[in-house]
Amino acid sequence: MITRAVTIEDIDDLYLTWNSHINGSALYRRALRDEMELRDVDPDELRDLFERAREQGYTKDEIVDETNRYADLKALVDDAEE
């Protein structure tokens, strides 16, 4: 499997720097990253938990119905692994 060291966020930042104009999608993702940082949520850990929940058989809708914050998702994944 090939892993990528350049993330979509890196590309967004580069593009915004080059063109000095607003890209709504990039600004939205940046706002989400800032909000996650404010709440001490590591995006990579969140992605990992989400993937693990999906591997355990949960759909995205079930995850949304059963959780409403990072700690809930972590508990859902941890409980299923026990």
Protein backbone atom coordinates (compact mmCIF):
# COMPACT_ATOMS: atom_id res chain seq x y z
CA MET A 1 0.00 0.00 0.00
CA ILE A 2 1.26 3.45 -0.87
CA THR A 3 0.99 6.08 1.84
CA ARG A 4 0.86 9.73 1.00
CA ALA A 5 2.86 12.27 2.94
CA VAL A 6 1.15 15.27 1.33
CA THR A 7 -2.34 15.75 2.70
CA ILE A 8 -5.24 17.55 1.10
CA GLU A 9 -4.77 20.24 3.75
CA ASP A 10 -1.18 20.82 2.58
CA ILE A 11 -2.39 21.14 -0.99
CA ASP A 12 -5.13 23.60 0.05
CA ASP A 13 -2.66 25.76 1.94
CA LEU A 14 -0.23 25.74 -0.98
CA TYR A 15 -2.97 26.65 -3.46
CA LEU A 16 -4.29 29.45 -1.26
CA THR A 17 -0.77 30.83 -0.84
CA TRP A 18 -0.09 30.74 -4.57
CA ASN A 19 -3.33 32.35 -5.62
CA SER A 20 -4.16 34.66 -2.73
CA HIS A 21 -7.88 34.13 -3.12
CA ILE A 22 -10.65 32.43 -1.23
CA ASN A 23 -11.33 28.75 -1.77
CA GLY A 24 -14.49 27.92 0.19
CA SER A 25 -13.71 24.24 0.53
CA ALA A 26 -10.21 24.89 1.83
CA LEU A 27 -11.46 27.48 4.30
CA TYR A 28 -14.11 25.06 5.55
CA ARG A 29 -11.53 22.31 6.13
CA ARG A 30 -9.21 24.79 7.83
CA ALA A 31 -12.05 25.87 10.14
CA LEU A 32 -12.73 22.22 10.99
CA ARG A 33 -9.05 21.62 11.78
CA ASP A 34 -9.00 24.73 13.98
CA GLU A 35 -12.13 23.55 15.82
CA MET A 36 -10.65 20.08 16.35
CA GLU A 37 -7.45 21.63 17.67
CA LEU A 38 -9.45 23.82 20.04
CA ARG A 39 -11.22 20.73 21.39
CA ASP A 40 -8.00 18.65 21.56
CA VAL A 41 -9.08 16.18 18.87
CA ASP A 42 -6.33 14.74 16.70
CA PRO A 43 -7.72 14.40 13.13
CA ASP A 44 -5.63 11.29 12.52
CA GLU A 45 -6.96 9.63 15.66
CA LEU A 46 -10.51 10.61 14.70
CA ARG A 47 -10.00 9.10 11.24
CA ASP A 48 -8.61 5.92 12.83
CA LEU A 49 -11.56 5.61 15.23
CA PHE A 50 -14.03 6.21 12.42
CA GLU A 51 -12.35 3.55 10.25
CA ARG A 52 -12.29 1.07 13.14
CA ALA A 53 -16.00 1.65 13.80
CA ARG A 54 -16.75 1.05 10.12
CA GLU A 55 -14.64 -2.15 10.22
CA GLN A 56 -16.71 -3.27 13.23
CA GLY A 57 -19.79 -3.05 11.02
CA TYR A 58 -21.22 0.34 11.98
CA THR A 59 -22.57 2.52 9.20
CA LYS A 60 -21.94 6.26 9.24
CA ASP A 61 -25.60 6.83 10.17
CA GLU A 62 -25.37 4.40 13.09
CA ILE A 63 -22.22 6.12 14.32
CA VAL A 64 -23.97 9.50 14.14
CA ASP A 65 -27.04 8.12 15.97
CA GLU A 66 -24.98 6.52 18.76
CA THR A 67 -22.35 9.24 19.28
CA ASN A 68 -22.18 13.02 19.40
CA ARG A 69 -18.56 13.67 20.38
CA TYR A 70 -15.08 12.21 20.13
CA ALA A 71 -15.22 10.50 23.53
CA ASP A 72 -18.46 8.73 22.58
CA LEU A 73 -16.90 7.39 19.38
CA LYS A 74 -13.86 6.18 21.30
CA ALA A 75 -16.10 4.42 23.84
CA LEU A 76 -18.17 2.82 21.06
CA VAL A 77 -15.06 1.42 19.37
CA ASP A 78 -13.44 0.33 22.64
CA ASP A 79 -16.62 -1.39 23.88
CA ALA A 80 -17.00 -3.31 20.63
CA GLU A 81 -13.39 -4.53 20.85
CA GLU A 82 -13.85 -5.97 24.35
